[in-house]
């Protein structure tokens, strides 16, 4: 099956779902007063999905791999910032565990996509 648009990528859809959850959590009363942490965690979660999309739109696998690597880093930032949010009392343990589960799942899938692209015979348009 050939993927034609980034919206068809499972990892992009999962990253989008995480970004939506993060946005909802940062609207909570205590959380929304920490403007810097709110900005950082919403930015990193959005960057994950955005870099997956941007890399897909590039012409070659090398560029896609580069942007997937950036997305993986942004995903790690979101994970770290979730711990900071928990430690500050802005999210509860269940919310933290949900974010940790989602970020780990996204990390594994990005890593698998990178390996797939590195091993692919096709170097032009993806898939």
N, C-alpha and C. Protein backbone atom coordinates (compact mmCIF):
# COMPACT_ATOMS: atom_id res chain seq x y z
N UNK A 1 0.84 -1.18 0.00
CA UNK A 1 0.00 0.00 0.00
C UNK A 1 0.88 1.24 0.00
N UNK A 2 0.66 2.12 -0.93
CA UNK A 2 1.41 3.36 -1.01
C UNK A 2 0.68 4.45 -0.22
N UNK A 3 1.46 5.19 0.55
CA UNK A 3 0.92 6.30 1.32
C UNK A 3 1.13 7.57 0.50
N UNK A 4 0.05 8.31 0.30
CA UNK A 4 0.10 9.48 -0.57
C UNK A 4 0.21 10.80 0.18
N UNK A 5 -0.35 10.86 1.38
CA UNK A 5 -0.33 12.09 2.17
C UNK A 5 0.05 11.75 3.61
N UNK A 6 0.69 12.69 4.28
CA UNK A 6 1.18 12.41 5.63
C UNK A 6 0.05 12.08 6.61
N UNK A 7 -1.15 12.55 6.33
CA UNK A 7 -2.28 12.25 7.22
C UNK A 7 -2.58 10.75 7.28
N UNK A 8 -2.10 10.00 6.31
CA UNK A 8 -2.29 8.54 6.32
C UNK A 8 -1.29 7.82 7.21
N UNK A 9 -0.25 8.52 7.65
CA UNK A 9 0.77 7.90 8.50
C UNK A 9 0.25 7.70 9.92
N UNK A 10 0.30 6.48 10.38
CA UNK A 10 -0.15 6.18 11.74
C UNK A 10 0.62 6.98 12.78
N UNK A 11 1.93 7.13 12.60
CA UNK A 11 2.72 7.88 13.59
C UNK A 11 2.32 9.35 13.63
N UNK A 12 1.96 9.91 12.48
CA UNK A 12 1.51 11.31 12.49
C UNK A 12 0.18 11.42 13.24
N UNK A 13 -0.73 10.49 12.98
CA UNK A 13 -2.05 10.53 13.66
C UNK A 13 -1.88 10.38 15.17
N UNK A 14 -0.98 9.50 15.59
CA UNK A 14 -0.75 9.32 17.03
C UNK A 14 -0.11 10.57 17.64
N UNK A 15 0.83 11.18 16.93
CA UNK A 15 1.46 12.41 17.42
C UNK A 15 0.42 13.53 17.50
N UNK A 16 -0.48 13.58 16.55
CA UNK A 16 -1.56 14.58 16.59
C UNK A 16 -2.44 14.36 17.81
N UNK A 17 -2.78 13.11 18.08
CA UNK A 17 -3.61 12.80 19.25
C UNK A 17 -2.93 13.22 20.54
N UNK A 18 -1.62 12.98 20.63
CA UNK A 18 -0.88 13.40 21.82
C UNK A 18 -0.87 14.92 21.94
N UNK A 19 -0.64 15.63 20.84
CA UNK A 19 -0.64 17.09 20.88
C UNK A 19 -1.98 17.63 21.36
N UNK A 20 -3.06 16.98 20.95
CA UNK A 20 -4.39 17.41 21.39
C UNK A 20 -4.57 17.20 22.90
N UNK A 21 -4.12 16.06 23.39
CA UNK A 21 -4.22 15.78 24.84
C UNK A 21 -3.40 16.79 25.63
N UNK A 22 -2.19 17.06 25.14
CA UNK A 22 -1.33 18.04 25.83
C UNK A 22 -2.01 19.40 25.87
N UNK A 23 -2.59 19.82 24.75
CA UNK A 23 -3.27 21.12 24.70
C UNK A 23 -4.41 21.16 25.73
N UNK A 24 -5.17 20.08 25.83
CA UNK A 24 -6.27 20.04 26.80
C UNK A 24 -5.74 20.12 28.23
N UNK A 25 -4.66 19.40 28.52
CA UNK A 25 -4.10 19.41 29.88
C UNK A 25 -3.57 20.79 30.26
N UNK A 26 -2.99 21.49 29.29
CA UNK A 26 -2.41 22.81 29.61
C UNK A 26 -3.48 23.87 29.83
N UNK A 27 -4.72 23.55 29.58
CA UNK A 27 -5.82 24.49 29.84
C UNK A 27 -6.36 24.36 31.26
N UNK A 28 -5.85 23.39 32.01
CA UNK A 28 -6.27 23.23 33.40
C UNK A 28 -5.82 24.44 34.22
N UNK A 29 -6.60 24.78 35.24
CA UNK A 29 -6.37 26.01 36.00
C UNK A 29 -4.93 26.20 36.47
N UNK A 30 -4.38 25.27 37.20
CA UNK A 30 -3.02 25.46 37.71
C UNK A 30 -1.98 25.48 36.60
N UNK A 31 -2.16 24.61 35.65
CA UNK A 31 -1.18 24.46 34.57
C UNK A 31 -1.08 25.72 33.72
N UNK A 32 -2.22 26.28 33.37
CA UNK A 32 -2.21 27.40 32.43
C UNK A 32 -1.54 28.65 32.98
N UNK A 33 -1.27 28.69 34.27
CA UNK A 33 -0.58 29.86 34.84
C UNK A 33 0.93 29.77 34.66
N UNK A 34 1.45 28.59 34.36
CA UNK A 34 2.88 28.44 34.09
C UNK A 34 3.08 28.58 32.59
N UNK A 35 3.13 29.81 32.13
CA UNK A 35 3.15 30.09 30.69
C UNK A 35 4.32 29.44 29.98
N UNK A 36 5.47 29.46 30.61
CA UNK A 36 6.66 28.91 29.94
C UNK A 36 6.55 27.41 29.74
N UNK A 37 6.17 26.68 30.78
CA UNK A 37 6.04 25.23 30.65
C UNK A 37 4.91 24.88 29.67
N UNK A 38 3.81 25.61 29.73
CA UNK A 38 2.70 25.40 28.77
C UNK A 38 3.20 25.57 27.35
N UNK A 39 3.92 26.63 27.11
CA UNK A 39 4.43 26.92 25.77
C UNK A 39 5.41 25.82 25.33
N UNK A 40 6.29 25.40 26.24
CA UNK A 40 7.29 24.39 25.90
C UNK A 40 6.65 23.04 25.56
N UNK A 41 5.73 22.58 26.38
CA UNK A 41 5.17 21.25 26.15
C UNK A 41 4.21 21.23 24.95
N UNK A 42 3.47 22.32 24.75
CA UNK A 42 2.61 22.35 23.56
C UNK A 42 3.47 22.48 22.30
N UNK A 43 4.56 23.21 22.39
CA UNK A 43 5.46 23.36 21.25
C UNK A 43 6.14 22.05 20.90
N UNK A 44 6.65 21.34 21.88
CA UNK A 44 7.36 20.08 21.59
C UNK A 44 6.41 19.01 21.06
N UNK A 45 5.21 18.94 21.61
CA UNK A 45 4.27 17.93 21.11
C UNK A 45 3.81 18.28 19.70
N UNK A 46 3.61 19.56 19.43
CA UNK A 46 3.25 19.99 18.08
C UNK A 46 4.40 19.79 17.10
N UNK A 47 5.61 20.00 17.57
CA UNK A 47 6.79 19.82 16.73
C UNK A 47 6.94 18.37 16.28
N UNK A 48 6.56 17.44 17.13
CA UNK A 48 6.64 16.03 16.76
C UNK A 48 5.80 15.76 15.52
N UNK A 49 4.54 16.14 15.55
CA UNK A 49 3.67 15.89 14.40
C UNK A 49 4.08 16.72 13.20
N UNK A 50 4.50 17.96 13.44
CA UNK A 50 4.88 18.84 12.33
C UNK A 50 6.12 18.34 11.60
N UNK A 51 7.10 17.84 12.32
CA UNK A 51 8.31 17.34 11.68
C UNK A 51 8.07 16.04 10.92
N UNK A 52 7.17 15.21 11.40
CA UNK A 52 6.78 14.02 10.64
C UNK A 52 6.17 14.45 9.31
N UNK A 53 5.27 15.42 9.38
CA UNK A 53 4.60 15.92 8.16
C UNK A 53 5.61 16.58 7.22
N UNK A 54 6.47 17.44 7.76
CA UNK A 54 7.42 18.13 6.90
C UNK A 54 8.38 17.15 6.23
N UNK A 55 8.86 16.18 6.99
CA UNK A 55 9.77 15.19 6.42
C UNK A 55 9.11 14.37 5.34
N UNK A 56 7.85 14.03 5.54
CA UNK A 56 7.13 13.26 4.52
C UNK A 56 7.02 14.05 3.22
N UNK A 57 6.83 15.34 3.33
CA UNK A 57 6.64 16.19 2.16
C UNK A 57 7.94 16.45 1.40
N UNK A 58 9.07 16.11 1.99
CA UNK A 58 10.36 16.25 1.29
C UNK A 58 10.47 15.15 0.24
N UNK A 59 11.41 15.31 -0.67
CA UNK A 59 11.49 14.39 -1.80
C UNK A 59 12.18 13.06 -1.51
N UNK A 60 13.12 13.03 -0.61
CA UNK A 60 13.90 11.81 -0.45
C UNK A 60 13.86 11.23 0.95
N UNK A 61 14.25 9.97 1.02
CA UNK A 61 14.26 9.27 2.30
C UNK A 61 15.26 9.88 3.29
N UNK A 62 16.40 10.37 2.78
CA UNK A 62 17.40 10.95 3.69
C UNK A 62 16.82 12.14 4.45
N UNK A 63 16.12 12.99 3.73
CA UNK A 63 15.50 14.14 4.39
C UNK A 63 14.39 13.70 5.33
N UNK A 64 13.61 12.70 4.91
CA UNK A 64 12.54 12.21 5.78
C UNK A 64 13.14 11.65 7.07
N UNK A 65 14.22 10.90 6.96
CA UNK A 65 14.89 10.35 8.14
C UNK A 65 15.36 11.48 9.05
N UNK A 66 15.92 12.53 8.46
CA UNK A 66 16.39 13.66 9.26
C UNK A 66 15.24 14.28 10.04
N UNK A 67 14.11 14.50 9.40
CA UNK A 67 12.97 15.10 10.09
C UNK A 67 12.34 14.14 11.10
N UNK A 68 12.37 12.84 10.81
CA UNK A 68 11.90 11.87 11.80
C UNK A 68 12.77 11.90 13.04
N UNK A 69 14.06 12.07 12.84
CA UNK A 69 14.98 12.18 13.97
C UNK A 69 14.67 13.41 14.82
N UNK A 70 14.37 14.51 14.17
CA UNK A 70 13.98 15.73 14.90
C UNK A 70 12.67 15.49 15.64
N UNK A 71 11.72 14.83 14.98
CA UNK A 71 10.43 14.51 15.62
C UNK A 71 10.64 13.64 16.85
N UNK A 72 11.56 12.69 16.74
CA UNK A 72 11.86 11.80 17.87
C UNK A 72 12.42 12.60 19.05
N UNK A 73 13.28 13.59 18.74
CA UNK A 73 13.81 14.45 19.79
C UNK A 73 12.72 15.29 20.44
N UNK A 74 11.83 15.83 19.64
CA UNK A 74 10.71 16.62 20.18
C UNK A 74 9.81 15.76 21.04
N UNK A 75 9.60 14.53 20.62
CA UNK A 75 8.80 13.59 21.40
C UNK A 75 9.45 13.34 22.77
N UNK A 76 10.79 13.22 22.77
CA UNK A 76 11.51 13.07 24.03
C UNK A 76 11.36 14.29 24.93
N UNK A 77 11.38 15.48 24.33
CA UNK A 77 11.15 16.70 25.09
C UNK A 77 9.77 16.68 25.75
N UNK A 78 8.77 16.27 25.00
CA UNK A 78 7.41 16.20 25.55
C UNK A 78 7.38 15.25 26.74
N UNK A 79 8.05 14.12 26.61
CA UNK A 79 8.11 13.13 27.70
C UNK A 79 8.75 13.74 28.95
N UNK A 80 9.88 14.42 28.77
CA UNK A 80 10.56 15.04 29.90
C UNK A 80 9.70 16.14 30.53
N UNK A 81 9.07 16.94 29.69
CA UNK A 81 8.22 18.02 30.19
C UNK A 81 6.99 17.47 30.92
N UNK A 82 6.55 16.28 30.54
CA UNK A 82 5.44 15.66 31.26
C UNK A 82 5.84 15.37 32.71
N UNK A 83 7.07 14.90 32.91
CA UNK A 83 7.57 14.68 34.27
C UNK A 83 7.61 16.00 35.05
N UNK A 84 8.07 17.06 34.39
CA UNK A 84 8.09 18.37 35.04
C UNK A 84 6.69 18.81 35.42
N UNK A 85 5.74 18.56 34.53
CA UNK A 85 4.35 18.93 34.80
C UNK A 85 3.79 18.15 35.97
N UNK A 86 4.13 16.88 36.04
CA UNK A 86 3.70 16.04 37.16
C UNK A 86 4.33 16.52 38.46
N UNK A 87 5.65 16.75 38.41
CA UNK A 87 6.36 17.20 39.61
C UNK A 87 5.84 18.53 40.13
N UNK A 88 5.34 19.37 39.25
CA UNK A 88 4.78 20.67 39.64
C UNK A 88 3.33 20.54 40.12
N UNK A 89 2.75 19.35 39.98
CA UNK A 89 1.37 19.14 40.43
C UNK A 89 0.32 19.56 39.41
N UNK A 90 0.74 19.78 38.16
CA UNK A 90 -0.20 20.22 37.13
C UNK A 90 -0.98 19.06 36.51
N UNK A 91 -0.41 17.88 36.53
CA UNK A 91 -1.11 16.68 36.03
C UNK A 91 -1.00 15.60 37.08
N UNK A 92 -1.96 14.67 37.05
CA UNK A 92 -1.94 13.59 38.03
C UNK A 92 -1.18 12.38 37.47
N UNK A 93 -1.04 11.36 38.28
CA UNK A 93 -0.25 10.19 37.89
C UNK A 93 -0.85 9.47 36.69
N UNK A 94 -2.16 9.37 36.63
CA UNK A 94 -2.80 8.72 35.48
C UNK A 94 -2.52 9.49 34.19
N UNK A 95 -2.60 10.81 34.25
CA UNK A 95 -2.31 11.63 33.08
C UNK A 95 -0.84 11.50 32.66
N UNK A 96 0.05 11.49 33.65
CA UNK A 96 1.47 11.28 33.36
C UNK A 96 1.68 9.94 32.68
N UNK A 97 1.11 8.88 33.24
CA UNK A 97 1.30 7.54 32.67
C UNK A 97 0.75 7.44 31.25
N UNK A 98 -0.36 8.13 30.99
CA UNK A 98 -0.92 8.14 29.63
C UNK A 98 0.06 8.80 28.66
N UNK A 99 0.62 9.94 29.05
CA UNK A 99 1.59 10.62 28.20
C UNK A 99 2.83 9.76 28.01
N UNK A 100 3.31 9.15 29.07
CA UNK A 100 4.50 8.29 28.97
C UNK A 100 4.25 7.12 28.03
N UNK A 101 3.08 6.52 28.13
CA UNK A 101 2.73 5.40 27.24
C UNK A 101 2.70 5.87 25.79
N UNK A 102 2.05 7.00 25.55
CA UNK A 102 1.92 7.51 24.19
C UNK A 102 3.27 7.93 23.60
N UNK A 103 4.09 8.62 24.40
CA UNK A 103 5.39 9.05 23.88
C UNK A 103 6.29 7.86 23.60
N UNK A 104 6.24 6.84 24.44
CA UNK A 104 7.05 5.64 24.19
C UNK A 104 6.59 4.92 22.93
N UNK A 105 5.30 4.84 22.74
CA UNK A 105 4.75 4.22 21.53
C UNK A 105 5.18 4.99 20.28
N UNK A 106 5.09 6.30 20.33
CA UNK A 106 5.51 7.14 19.20
C UNK A 106 7.01 6.98 18.96
N UNK A 107 7.80 6.97 20.02
CA UNK A 107 9.25 6.79 19.89
C UNK A 107 9.59 5.49 19.17
N UNK A 108 8.96 4.40 19.59
CA UNK A 108 9.21 3.10 18.96
C UNK A 108 8.83 3.11 17.48
N UNK A 109 7.70 3.71 17.16
CA UNK A 109 7.24 3.74 15.77
C UNK A 109 8.11 4.64 14.90
N UNK A 110 8.56 5.76 15.45
CA UNK A 110 9.47 6.62 14.68
C UNK A 110 10.78 5.86 14.41
N UNK A 111 11.30 5.19 15.44
CA UNK A 111 12.54 4.41 15.27
C UNK A 111 12.36 3.34 14.21
N UNK A 112 11.23 2.66 14.23
CA UNK A 112 10.96 1.61 13.24
C UNK A 112 10.86 2.20 11.83
N UNK A 113 10.23 3.37 11.70
CA UNK A 113 10.12 4.01 10.39
C UNK A 113 11.49 4.42 9.87
N UNK A 114 12.33 4.94 10.76
CA UNK A 114 13.69 5.31 10.37
C UNK A 114 14.45 4.09 9.86
N UNK A 115 14.35 2.98 10.58
CA UNK A 115 15.03 1.75 10.15
C UNK A 115 14.49 1.26 8.81
N UNK A 116 13.20 1.32 8.64
CA UNK A 116 12.58 0.91 7.37
C UNK A 116 13.13 1.75 6.22
N UNK A 117 13.17 3.06 6.41
CA UNK A 117 13.65 3.95 5.35
C UNK A 117 15.13 3.74 5.06
N UNK A 118 15.91 3.51 6.11
CA UNK A 118 17.34 3.26 5.91
C UNK A 118 17.59 1.99 5.11
N UNK A 119 16.74 0.99 5.31
CA UNK A 119 16.91 -0.30 4.64
C UNK A 119 16.18 -0.38 3.30
N UNK A 120 15.42 0.65 2.97
CA UNK A 120 14.61 0.63 1.76
C UNK A 120 15.47 0.81 0.51
N UNK A 121 15.12 0.09 -0.52
CA UNK A 121 15.78 0.23 -1.81
C UNK A 121 15.36 1.54 -2.48
N UNK A 122 14.16 2.00 -2.17
CA UNK A 122 13.64 3.22 -2.78
C UNK A 122 14.24 4.42 -2.06
N UNK A 123 14.76 5.35 -2.81
CA UNK A 123 15.37 6.54 -2.22
C UNK A 123 14.60 7.81 -2.54
N UNK A 124 13.60 7.70 -3.41
CA UNK A 124 12.81 8.87 -3.79
C UNK A 124 11.58 8.99 -2.94
N UNK A 125 10.44 9.06 -3.58
CA UNK A 125 9.18 9.16 -2.84
C UNK A 125 9.01 7.96 -1.93
N UNK A 126 8.50 8.23 -0.76
CA UNK A 126 8.38 7.21 0.26
C UNK A 126 7.33 6.14 -0.08
N UNK A 127 7.57 4.97 0.42
CA UNK A 127 6.63 3.85 0.39
C UNK A 127 6.27 3.48 -1.01
